[in-house]
PDB file of N, CA and C in Angstrom:
ATOM      1  N   MET A   1     -33.037  35.081  73.991  1.00  0.00           N
ATOM      2  CA  MET A   1     -33.522  35.007  72.626  1.00  0.00           C
ATOM      3  C   MET A   1     -32.647  35.903  71.754  1.00  0.00           C
ATOM      4  N   SER A   2     -32.072  35.331  70.723  1.00  0.00           N
ATOM      5  CA  SER A   2     -31.173  36.105  69.869  1.00  0.00           C
ATOM      6  C   SER A   2     -31.971  36.827  68.778  1.00  0.00           C
ATOM      7  N   ARG A   3     -31.459  37.951  68.407  1.00  0.00           N
ATOM      8  CA  ARG A   3     -32.084  38.789  67.393  1.00  0.00           C
ATOM      9  C   ARG A   3     -31.612  38.345  66.007  1.00  0.00           C
ATOM     10  N   VAL A   4     -32.523  38.365  65.047  1.00  0.00           N
ATOM     11  CA  VAL A   4     -32.183  38.030  63.665  1.00  0.00           C
ATOM     12  C   VAL A   4     -31.262  39.112  63.121  1.00  0.00           C
ATOM     13  N   GLN A   5     -30.164  38.687  62.521  1.00  0.00           N
ATOM     14  CA  GLN A   5     -29.199  39.619  61.946  1.00  0.00           C
ATOM     15  C   GLN A   5     -29.409  39.713  60.439  1.00  0.00           C
ATOM     16  N   VAL A   6     -29.129  40.885  59.906  1.00  0.00           N
ATOM     17  CA  VAL A   6     -29.140  41.081  58.462  1.00  0.00           C
ATOM     18  C   VAL A   6     -27.701  40.999  57.989  1.00  0.00           C
ATOM     19  N   ARG A   7     -27.448  40.125  57.039  1.00  0.00           N
ATOM     20  CA  ARG A   7     -26.097  39.919  56.508  1.00  0.00           C
ATOM     21  C   ARG A   7     -26.094  40.297  55.027  1.00  0.00           C
ATOM     22  N   VAL A   8     -25.294  41.298  54.702  1.00  0.00           N
ATOM     23  CA  VAL A   8     -25.173  41.730  53.319  1.00  0.00           C
ATOM     24  C   VAL A   8     -24.129  40.837  52.658  1.00  0.00           C
ATOM     25  N   GLN A   9     -24.559  40.059  51.684  1.00  0.00           N
ATOM     26  CA  GLN A   9     -23.664  39.129  51.025  1.00  0.00           C
ATOM     27  C   GLN A   9     -22.829  39.834  49.966  1.00  0.00           C
ATOM     28  N   GLU A  10     -21.831  39.153  49.439  1.00  0.00           N
ATOM     29  CA  GLU A  10     -20.806  39.774  48.591  1.00  0.00           C
ATOM     30  C   GLU A  10     -21.371  40.541  47.394  1.00  0.00           C
ATOM     31  N   ALA A  11     -22.257  39.924  46.626  1.00  0.00           N
ATOM     32  CA  ALA A  11     -22.796  40.607  45.444  1.00  0.00           C
ATOM     33  C   ALA A  11     -23.561  41.866  45.849  1.00  0.00           C
ATOM     34  N   ALA A  12     -24.334  41.778  46.928  1.00  0.00           N
ATOM     35  CA  ALA A  12     -25.085  42.944  47.396  1.00  0.00           C
ATOM     36  C   ALA A  12     -24.144  44.034  47.882  1.00  0.00           C
ATOM     37  N   SER A  13     -23.066  43.652  48.526  1.00  0.00           N
ATOM     38  CA  SER A  13     -22.087  44.634  48.996  1.00  0.00           C
ATOM     39  C   SER A  13     -21.480  45.399  47.823  1.00  0.00           C
ATOM     40  N   CYS A  14     -21.156  44.678  46.761  1.00  0.00           N
ATOM     41  CA  CYS A  14     -20.625  45.330  45.552  1.00  0.00           C
ATOM     42  C   CYS A  14     -21.650  46.277  44.958  1.00  0.00           C
ATOM     43  N   ARG A  15     -22.899  45.858  44.932  1.00  0.00           N
ATOM     44  CA  ARG A  15     -23.960  46.713  44.381  1.00  0.00           C
ATOM     45  C   ARG A  15     -24.147  47.969  45.241  1.00  0.00           C
ATOM     46  N   LEU A  16     -24.043  47.831  46.555  1.00  0.00           N
ATOM     47  CA  LEU A  16     -24.158  49.003  47.430  1.00  0.00           C
ATOM     48  C   LEU A  16     -23.052  50.009  47.141  1.00  0.00           C
ATOM     49  N   ASP A  17     -21.847  49.498  46.924  1.00  0.00           N
ATOM     50  CA  ASP A  17     -20.735  50.389  46.562  1.00  0.00           C
ATOM     51  C   ASP A  17     -21.032  51.118  45.254  1.00  0.00           C
ATOM     52  N   GLU A  18     -21.547  50.389  44.266  1.00  0.00           N
ATOM     53  CA  GLU A  18     -21.882  50.988  42.968  1.00  0.00           C
ATOM     54  C   GLU A  18     -22.972  52.051  43.115  1.00  0.00           C
ATOM     55  N   ILE A  19     -23.989  51.727  43.891  1.00  0.00           N
ATOM     56  CA  ILE A  19     -25.096  52.668  44.120  1.00  0.00           C
ATOM     57  C   ILE A  19     -24.576  53.936  44.789  1.00  0.00           C
ATOM     58  N   TYR A  20     -23.733  53.755  45.798  1.00  0.00           N
ATOM     59  CA  TYR A  20     -23.192  54.924  46.496  1.00  0.00           C
ATOM     60  C   TYR A  20     -22.402  55.812  45.535  1.00  0.00           C
ATOM     61  N   ARG A  21     -21.482  55.211  44.793  1.00  0.00           N
ATOM     62  CA  ARG A  21     -20.636  56.000  43.882  1.00  0.00           C
ATOM     63  C   ARG A  21     -21.466  56.720  42.814  1.00  0.00           C
ATOM     64  N   TYR A  22     -22.395  56.008  42.215  1.00  0.00           N
ATOM     65  CA  TYR A  22     -23.229  56.607  41.174  1.00  0.00           C
ATOM     66  C   TYR A  22     -24.035  57.780  41.742  1.00  0.00           C
ATOM     67  N   THR A  23     -24.689  57.552  42.872  1.00  0.00           N
ATOM     68  CA  THR A  23     -25.526  58.593  43.475  1.00  0.00           C
ATOM     69  C   THR A  23     -24.678  59.779  43.910  1.00  0.00           C
ATOM     70  N   ARG A  24     -23.536  59.520  44.512  1.00  0.00           N
ATOM     71  CA  ARG A  24     -22.634  60.599  44.936  1.00  0.00           C
ATOM     72  C   ARG A  24     -22.183  61.435  43.741  1.00  0.00           C
ATOM     73  N   ASP A  25     -21.776  60.761  42.671  1.00  0.00           N
ATOM     74  CA  ASP A  25     -21.287  61.472  41.497  1.00  0.00           C
ATOM     75  C   ASP A  25     -22.389  62.257  40.797  1.00  0.00           C
ATOM     76  N   ARG A  26     -23.592  61.756  40.870  1.00  0.00           N
ATOM     77  CA  ARG A  26     -24.714  62.379  40.166  1.00  0.00           C
ATOM     78  C   ARG A  26     -25.432  63.446  41.005  1.00  0.00           C
ATOM     79  N   TRP A  27     -25.645  63.163  42.312  1.00  0.00           N
ATOM     80  CA  TRP A  27     -26.456  64.050  43.152  1.00  0.00           C
ATOM     81  C   TRP A  27     -25.780  64.487  44.441  1.00  0.00           C
ATOM     82  N   GLY A  28     -24.558  64.048  44.680  1.00  0.00           N
ATOM     83  CA  GLY A  28     -23.823  64.496  45.855  1.00  0.00           C
ATOM     84  C   GLY A  28     -23.769  63.468  46.971  1.00  0.00           C
ATOM     85  N   ALA A  29     -22.782  63.657  47.856  1.00  0.00           N
ATOM     86  CA  ALA A  29     -22.522  62.704  48.939  1.00  0.00           C
ATOM     87  C   ALA A  29     -23.682  62.624  49.926  1.00  0.00           C
ATOM     88  N   LEU A  30     -24.309  63.741  50.220  1.00  0.00           N
ATOM     89  CA  LEU A  30     -25.418  63.729  51.186  1.00  0.00           C
ATOM     90  C   LEU A  30     -26.574  62.870  50.679  1.00  0.00           C
ATOM     91  N   GLN A  31     -26.930  63.030  49.416  1.00  0.00           N
ATOM     92  CA  GLN A  31     -28.005  62.211  48.844  1.00  0.00           C
ATOM     93  C   GLN A  31     -27.606  60.739  48.811  1.00  0.00           C
ATOM     94  N   ALA A  32     -26.352  60.448  48.497  1.00  0.00           N
ATOM     95  CA  ALA A  32     -25.885  59.056  48.470  1.00  0.00           C
ATOM     96  C   ALA A  32     -26.015  58.426  49.858  1.00  0.00           C
ATOM     97  N   LYS A  33     -25.618  59.174  50.878  1.00  0.00           N
ATOM     98  CA  LYS A  33     -25.728  58.658  52.254  1.00  0.00           C
ATOM     99  C   LYS A  33     -27.192  58.437  52.640  1.00  0.00           C
ATOM    100  N   ARG A  34     -28.056  59.362  52.256  1.00  0.00           N
ATOM    101  CA  ARG A  34     -29.490  59.220  52.566  1.00  0.00           C
ATOM    102  C   ARG A  34     -30.077  57.979  51.892  1.00  0.00           C
ATOM    103  N   TYR A  35     -29.714  57.777  50.625  1.00  0.00           N
ATOM    104  CA  TYR A  35     -30.261  56.641  49.885  1.00  0.00           C
ATOM    105  C   TYR A  35     -29.821  55.327  50.526  1.00  0.00           C
ATOM    106  N   LEU A  36     -28.539  55.223  50.853  1.00  0.00           N
ATOM    107  CA  LEU A  36     -28.051  53.999  51.488  1.00  0.00           C
ATOM    108  C   LEU A  36     -28.647  53.805  52.872  1.00  0.00           C
ATOM    109  N   ALA A  37     -28.818  54.886  53.613  1.00  0.00           N
ATOM    110  CA  ALA A  37     -29.452  54.782  54.936  1.00  0.00           C
ATOM    111  C   ALA A  37     -30.876  54.243  54.788  1.00  0.00           C
ATOM    112  N   GLY A  38     -31.587  54.689  53.757  1.00  0.00           N
ATOM    113  CA  GLY A  38     -32.932  54.182  53.505  1.00  0.00           C
ATOM    114  C   GLY A  38     -32.937  52.706  53.152  1.00  0.00           C
ATOM    115  N   LEU A  39     -31.961  52.289  52.356  1.00  0.00           N
ATOM    116  CA  LEU A  39     -31.850  50.863  52.029  1.00  0.00           C
ATOM    117  C   LEU A  39     -31.610  50.035  53.291  1.00  0.00           C
ATOM    118  N   PHE A  40     -30.683  50.480  54.133  1.00  0.00           N
ATOM    119  CA  PHE A  40     -30.392  49.720  55.353  1.00  0.00           C
ATOM    120  C   PHE A  40     -31.582  49.707  56.314  1.00  0.00           C
ATOM    121  N   ALA A  41     -32.340  50.776  56.360  1.00  0.00           N
ATOM    122  CA  ALA A  41     -33.556  50.784  57.183  1.00  0.00           C
ATOM    123  C   ALA A  41     -34.555  49.760  56.638  1.00  0.00           C
ATOM    124  N   ALA A  42     -34.654  49.671  55.307  1.00  0.00           N
ATOM    125  CA  ALA A  42     -35.534  48.671  54.698  1.00  0.00           C
ATOM    126  C   ALA A  42     -35.040  47.255  55.009  1.00  0.00           C
ATOM    127  N   PHE A  43     -33.715  47.041  54.977  1.00  0.00           N
ATOM    128  CA  PHE A  43     -33.165  45.724  55.336  1.00  0.00           C
ATOM    129  C   PHE A  43     -33.587  45.352  56.759  1.00  0.00           C
ATOM    130  N   ASP A  44     -33.424  46.294  57.683  1.00  0.00           N
ATOM    131  CA  ASP A  44     -33.779  46.037  59.083  1.00  0.00           C
ATOM    132  C   ASP A  44     -35.266  45.755  59.248  1.00  0.00           C
ATOM    133  N   GLY A  45     -36.082  46.310  58.360  1.00  0.00           N
ATOM    134  CA  GLY A  45     -37.522  46.101  58.441  1.00  0.00           C
ATOM    135  C   GLY A  45     -37.988  44.739  57.967  1.00  0.00           C
ATOM    136  N   ILE A  46     -37.130  43.973  57.341  1.00  0.00           N
ATOM    137  CA  ILE A  46     -37.530  42.650  56.851  1.00  0.00           C
ATOM    138  C   ILE A  46     -37.955  41.752  58.010  1.00  0.00           C
ATOM    139  N   ALA A  47     -37.132  41.667  59.039  1.00  0.00           N
ATOM    140  CA  ALA A  47     -37.404  40.754  60.157  1.00  0.00           C
ATOM    141  C   ALA A  47     -38.680  41.122  60.918  1.00  0.00           C
ATOM    142  N   THR A  48     -39.006  42.405  60.957  1.00  0.00           N
ATOM    143  CA  THR A  48     -40.194  42.854  61.700  1.00  0.00           C
ATOM    144  C   THR A  48     -41.405  43.031  60.791  1.00  0.00           C
ATOM    145  N   HIS A  49     -41.264  42.658  59.535  1.00  0.00           N
ATOM    146  CA  HIS A  49     -42.333  42.733  58.540  1.00  0.00           C
ATOM    147  C   HIS A  49     -42.770  44.168  58.246  1.00  0.00           C
ATOM    148  N   ARG A  50     -41.915  45.136  58.572  1.00  0.00           N
ATOM    149  CA  ARG A  50     -42.189  46.527  58.194  1.00  0.00           C
ATOM    150  C   ARG A  50     -41.858  46.747  56.727  1.00  0.00           C
ATOM    151  N   THR A  51     -41.020  45.876  56.174  1.00  0.00           N
ATOM    152  CA  THR A  51     -40.674  45.940  54.756  1.00  0.00           C
ATOM    153  C   THR A  51     -41.381  44.778  54.069  1.00  0.00           C
ATOM    154  N   PRO A  52     -42.509  45.050  53.432  1.00  0.00           N
ATOM    155  CA  PRO A  52     -43.228  43.946  52.774  1.00  0.00           C
ATOM    156  C   PRO A  52     -42.425  43.377  51.610  1.00  0.00           C
ATOM    157  N   SER A  53     -42.380  42.058  51.549  1.00  0.00           N
ATOM    158  CA  SER A  53     -41.629  41.365  50.510  1.00  0.00           C
ATOM    159  C   SER A  53     -42.525  40.369  49.805  1.00  0.00           C
ATOM    160  N   HIS A  54     -42.107  39.999  48.603  1.00  0.00           N
ATOM    161  CA  HIS A  54     -42.836  39.034  47.788  1.00  0.00           C
ATOM    162  C   HIS A  54     -41.930  37.844  47.517  1.00  0.00           C
ATOM    163  N   PRO A  55     -42.489  36.644  47.423  1.00  0.00           N
ATOM    164  CA  PRO A  55     -41.659  35.478  47.090  1.00  0.00           C
ATOM    165  C   PRO A  55     -41.089  35.609  45.676  1.00  0.00           C
ATOM    166  N   ILE A  56     -39.874  35.132  45.507  1.00  0.00           N
ATOM    167  CA  ILE A  56     -39.292  35.056  44.174  1.00  0.00           C
ATOM    168  C   ILE A  56     -40.108  34.028  43.394  1.00  0.00           C
ATOM    169  N   PRO A  57     -40.499  34.332  42.163  1.00  0.00           N
ATOM    170  CA  PRO A  57     -41.324  33.399  41.387  1.00  0.00           C
ATOM    171  C   PRO A  57     -40.707  31.995  41.325  1.00  0.00           C
ATOM    172  N   ALA A  58     -41.560  30.998  41.404  1.00  0.00           N
ATOM    173  CA  ALA A  58     -41.133  29.596  41.462  1.00  0.00           C
ATOM    174  C   ALA A  58     -40.291  29.174  40.261  1.00  0.00           C
ATOM    175  N   GLU A  59     -40.523  29.791  39.107  1.00  0.00           N
ATOM    176  CA  GLU A  59     -39.774  29.380  37.911  1.00  0.00           C
ATOM    177  C   GLU A  59     -38.277  29.633  38.019  1.00  0.00           C
ATOM    178  N   PHE A  60     -37.859  30.463  38.982  1.00  0.00           N
ATOM    179  CA  PHE A  60     -36.429  30.698  39.186  1.00  0.00           C
ATOM    180  C   PHE A  60     -35.774  29.550  39.958  1.00  0.00           C
ATOM    181  N   GLY A  61     -36.591  28.740  40.629  1.00  0.00           N
ATOM    182  CA  GLY A  61     -36.056  27.599  41.363  1.00  0.00           C
ATOM    183  C   GLY A  61     -35.235  27.989  42.587  1.00  0.00           C
ATOM    184  N   ILE A  62     -35.520  29.132  43.166  1.00  0.00           N
ATOM    185  CA  ILE A  62     -34.774  29.623  44.330  1.00  0.00           C
ATOM    186  C   ILE A  62     -35.771  30.069  45.385  1.00  0.00           C
ATOM    187  N   GLU A  63     -35.516  29.652  46.612  1.00  0.00           N
ATOM    188  CA  GLU A  63     -36.339  30.153  47.696  1.00  0.00           C
ATOM    189  C   GLU A  63     -35.780  31.487  48.145  1.00  0.00           C
ATOM    190  N   GLY A  64     -36.604  32.489  48.103  1.00  0.00           N
ATOM    191  CA  GLY A  64     -36.178  33.812  48.514  1.00  0.00           C
ATOM    192  C   GLY A  64     -37.289  34.807  48.291  1.00  0.00           C
ATOM    193  N   TYR A  65     -36.967  36.056  48.539  1.00  0.00           N
ATOM    194  CA  TYR A  65     -37.955  37.124  48.495  1.00  0.00           C
ATOM    195  C   TYR A  65     -37.342  38.360  47.856  1.00  0.00           C
ATOM    196  N   PHE A  66     -38.218  39.297  47.498  1.00  0.00           N
ATOM    197  CA  PHE A  66     -37.727  40.567  46.983  1.00  0.00           C
ATOM    198  C   PHE A  66     -38.683  41.680  47.382  1.00  0.00           C
ATOM    199  N   PHE A  67     -38.164  42.883  47.390  1.00  0.00           N
ATOM    200  CA  PHE A  67     -38.993  44.069  47.570  1.00  0.00           C
ATOM    201  C   PHE A  67     -38.381  45.195  46.755  1.00  0.00           C
ATOM    202  N   ARG A  68     -39.175  46.189  46.522  1.00  0.00           N
ATOM    203  CA  ARG A  68     -38.707  47.350  45.770  1.00  0.00           C
ATOM    204  C   ARG A  68     -38.403  48.478  46.746  1.00  0.00           C
ATOM    205  N   TYR A  69     -37.252  49.107  46.552  1.00  0.00           N
ATOM    206  CA  TYR A  69     -36.911  50.321  47.285  1.00  0.00           C
ATOM    207  C   TYR A  69     -36.603  51.385  46.239  1.00  0.00           C
ATOM    208  N   GLU A  70     -37.473  52.335  46.103  1.00  0.00           N
ATOM    209  CA  GLU A  70     -37.370  53.397  45.108  1.00  0.00           C
ATOM    210  C   GLU A  70     -37.074  52.827  43.722  1.00  0.00           C
ATOM    211  N   ARG A  71     -35.852  52.977  43.211  1.00  0.00           N
ATOM    212  CA  ARG A  71     -35.523  52.515  41.853  1.00  0.00           C
ATOM    213  C   ARG A  71     -34.808  51.163  41.829  1.00  0.00           C
ATOM    214  N   HIS A  72     -34.752  50.475  42.973  1.00  0.00           N
ATOM    215  CA  HIS A  72     -34.012  49.212  43.061  1.00  0.00           C
ATOM    216  C   HIS A  72     -34.904  48.075  43.563  1.00  0.00           C
ATOM    217  N   PHE A  73     -34.540  46.876  43.131  1.00  0.00           N
ATOM    218  CA  PHE A  73     -35.150  45.666  43.667  1.00  0.00           C
ATOM    219  C   PHE A  73     -34.111  44.985  44.544  1.00  0.00           C
ATOM    220  N   VAL A  74     -34.515  44.637  45.771  1.00  0.00           N
ATOM    221  CA  VAL A  74     -33.634  43.975  46.730  1.00  0.00           C
ATOM    222  C   VAL A  74     -34.079  42.526  46.840  1.00  0.00           C
ATOM    223  N   TYR A  75     -33.132  41.607  46.616  1.00  0.00           N
ATOM    224  CA  TYR A  75     -33.400  40.170  46.711  1.00  0.00           C
ATOM    225  C   TYR A  75     -32.730  39.621  47.962  1.00  0.00           C
ATOM    226  N   TRP A  76     -33.492  38.842  48.735  1.00  0.00           N
ATOM    227  CA  TRP A  76     -32.956  38.310  49.983  1.00  0.00           C
ATOM    228  C   TRP A  76     -33.498  36.905  50.233  1.00  0.00           C
ATOM    229  N   ARG A  77     -32.837  36.226  51.182  1.00  0.00           N
ATOM    230  CA  ARG A  77     -33.302  34.896  51.584  1.00  0.00           C
ATOM    231  C   ARG A  77     -32.945  34.643  53.035  1.00  0.00           C
ATOM    232  N   ARG A  78     -33.618  33.680  53.609  1.00  0.00           N
ATOM    233  CA  ARG A  78     -33.299  33.240  54.973  1.00  0.00           C
ATOM    234  C   ARG A  78     -32.066  32.352  54.899  1.00  0.00           C
ATOM    235  N   LEU A  79     -31.120  32.615  55.770  1.00  0.00           N
ATOM    236  CA  LEU A  79     -29.920  31.792  55.844  1.00  0.00           C
ATOM    237  C   LEU A  79     -30.189  30.597  56.749  1.00  0.00           C
ATOM    238  N   SER A  80     -29.329  29.606  56.725  1.00  0.00           N
ATOM    239  CA  SER A  80     -29.548  28.378  57.488  1.00  0.00           C
ATOM    240  C   SER A  80     -29.655  28.618  58.992  1.00  0.00           C
ATOM    241  N   ASN A  81     -29.043  29.688  59.485  1.00  0.00           N
ATOM    242  CA  ASN A  81     -29.123  29.996  60.917  1.00  0.00           C
ATOM    243  C   ASN A  81     -30.297  30.903  61.267  1.00  0.00           C
ATOM    244  N   GLY A  82     -31.148  31.207  60.282  1.00  0.00           N
ATOM    245  CA  GLY A  82     -32.322  32.041  60.513  1.00  0.00           C
ATOM    246  C   GLY A  82     -32.106  33.520  60.232  1.00  0.00           C
ATOM    247  N   ASP A  83     -30.851  33.916  60.028  1.00  0.00           N
ATOM    248  CA  ASP A  83     -30.576  35.305  59.692  1.00  0.00           C
ATOM    249  C   ASP A  83     -31.081  35.616  58.288  1.00  0.00           C
ATOM    250  N   ILE A  84     -31.073  36.892  57.952  1.00  0.00           N
ATOM    251  CA  ILE A  84     -31.508  37.358  56.646  1.00  0.00           C
ATOM    252  C   ILE A  84     -30.283  37.687  55.815  1.00  0.00           C
ATOM    253  N   GLY A  85     -30.196  37.105  54.632  1.00  0.00           N
ATOM    254  CA  GLY A  85     -29.080  37.372  53.727  1.00  0.00           C
ATOM    255  C   GLY A  85     -29.543  38.237  52.571  1.00  0.00           C
ATOM    256  N   ILE A  86     -28.999  39.441  52.475  1.00  0.00           N
ATOM    257  CA  ILE A  86     -29.289  40.311  51.335  1.00  0.00           C
ATOM    258  C   ILE A  86     -28.401  39.815  50.196  1.00  0.00           C
ATOM    259  N   VAL A  87     -29.005  39.231  49.172  1.00  0.00           N
ATOM    260  CA  VAL A  87     -28.244  38.574  48.111  1.00  0.00           C
ATOM    261  C   VAL A  87     -27.776  39.573  47.063  1.00  0.00           C
ATOM    262  N   THR A  88     -28.689  40.386  46.582  1.00  0.00           N
ATOM    263  CA  THR A  88     -28.309  41.366  45.563  1.00  0.00           C
ATOM    264  C   THR A  88     -29.303  42.505  45.539  1.00  0.00           C
ATOM    265  N   ILE A  89     -28.894  43.583  44.899  1.00  0.00           N
ATOM    266  CA  ILE A  89     -29.715  44.777  44.742  1.00  0.00           C
ATOM    267  C   ILE A  89     -29.565  45.200  43.279  1.00  0.00           C
ATOM    268  N   LEU A  90     -30.674  45.229  42.561  1.00  0.00           N
ATOM    269  CA  LEU A  90     -30.616  45.513  41.132  1.00  0.00           C
ATOM    270  C   LEU A  90     -31.465  46.725  40.784  1.00  0.00           C
ATOM    271  N   HIS A  91     -30.916  47.605  39.975  1.00  0.00           N
ATOM    272  CA  HIS A  91     -31.650  48.776  39.514  1.00  0.00           C
ATOM    273  C   HIS A  91     -32.761  48.327  38.582  1.00  0.00           C
ATOM    274  N   GLU A  92     -33.852  49.056  38.579  1.00  0.00           N
ATOM    275  CA  GLU A  92     -35.002  48.689  37.765  1.00  0.00           C
ATOM    276  C   GLU A  92     -34.677  48.610  36.276  1.00  0.00           C
ATOM    277  N   ARG A  93     -33.651  49.319  35.828  1.00  0.00           N
ATOM    278  CA  ARG A  93     -33.285  49.298  34.409  1.00  0.00           C
ATOM    279  C   ARG A  93     -32.298  48.187  34.055  1.00  0.00           C
ATOM    280  N   MET A  94     -31.747  47.518  35.043  1.00  0.00           N
ATOM    281  CA  MET A  94     -30.816  46.422  34.765  1.00  0.00           C
ATOM    282  C   MET A  94     -31.584  45.244  34.175  1.00  0.00           C
ATOM    283  N   HIS A  95     -30.896  44.434  33.407  1.00  0.00           N
ATOM    284  CA  HIS A  95     -31.499  43.201  32.913  1.00  0.00           C
ATOM    285  C   HIS A  95     -31.583  42.255  34.105  1.00  0.00           C
ATOM    286  N   GLN A  96     -32.714  42.213  34.733  1.00  0.00           N
ATOM    287  CA  GLN A  96     -32.904  41.527  36.002  1.00  0.00           C
ATOM    288  C   GLN A  96     -32.530  40.043  35.964  1.00  0.00           C
ATOM    289  N   ILE A  97     -32.955  39.328  34.942  1.00  0.00           N
ATOM    290  CA  ILE A  97     -32.752  37.874  34.919  1.00  0.00           C
ATOM    291  C   ILE A  97     -31.266  37.519  34.906  1.00  0.00           C
ATOM    292  N   ASP A  98     -30.497  38.129  34.024  1.00  0.00           N
ATOM    293  CA  ASP A  98     -29.067  37.808  33.942  1.00  0.00           C
ATOM    294  C   ASP A  98     -28.342  38.144  35.236  1.00  0.00           C
ATOM    295  N   ARG A  99     -28.548  39.325  35.757  1.00  0.00           N
ATOM    296  CA  ARG A  99     -27.873  39.735  37.001  1.00  0.00           C
ATOM    297  C   ARG A  99     -28.326  38.880  38.169  1.00  0.00           C
ATOM    298  N   PHE A 100     -29.608  38.606  38.219  1.00  0.00           N
ATOM    299  CA  PHE A 100     -30.172  37.791  39.280  1.00  0.00           C
ATOM    300  C   PHE A 100     -29.514  36.413  39.310  1.00  0.00           C
ATOM    301  N   ARG A 101     -29.461  35.762  38.164  1.00  0.00           N
ATOM    302  CA  ARG A 101     -28.852  34.419  38.078  1.00  0.00           C
ATOM    303  C   ARG A 101     -27.377  34.462  38.464  1.00  0.00           C
ATOM    304  N   GLU A 102     -26.685  35.472  38.009  1.00  0.00           N
ATOM    305  CA  GLU A 102     -25.266  35.626  38.330  1.00  0.00           C
ATOM    306  C   GLU A 102     -25.047  35.795  39.839  1.00  0.00           C
ATOM    307  N   ASP A 103     -25.839  36.662  40.466  1.00  0.00           N
ATOM    308  CA  ASP A 103     -25.657  36.950  41.880  1.00  0.00           C
ATOM    309  C   ASP A 103     -26.125  35.818  42.792  1.00  0.00           C
ATOM    310  N   PHE A 104     -27.089  35.013  42.324  1.00  0.00           N
ATOM    311  CA  PHE A 104     -27.527  33.866  43.105  1.00  0.00           C
ATOM    312  C   PHE A 104     -26.663  32.635  42.826  1.00  0.00           C
ATOM    313  N   GLY A 105     -25.698  32.786  41.907  1.00  0.00           N
ATOM    314  CA  GLY A 105     -24.798  31.684  41.600  1.00  0.00           C
ATOM    315  C   GLY A 105     -25.411  30.616  40.734  1.00  0.00           C
ATOM    316  N   LEU A 106     -26.316  30.998  39.856  1.00  0.00           N
ATOM    317  CA  LEU A 106     -26.985  30.023  38.976  1.00  0.00           C
ATOM    318  C   LEU A 106     -26.303  29.944  37.633  1.00  0.00           C
TER     319      LEU A 106
END
């Protein structure tokens, strides 16, 4: 039996880099590493339901889910092979709709 893998997709990878740099510059490298470690632990918790998620509202026309991690919203979906794809990560102050549509390719 194969284990479900978490795959960080391109837009989410870029956002992780941005989060790391911002946090490092503002609060130091140790805090940046801790924050990212927490995000990755939350990603791993999706498959085991330790990270509760909510469906993306139907009006977006996309099948997927999201959860909040501290000041960020993480959007993800099931990939065709059953793995979990982390699509994007948006700060609570970002204009969610525009970034969301851009990162989902809408």
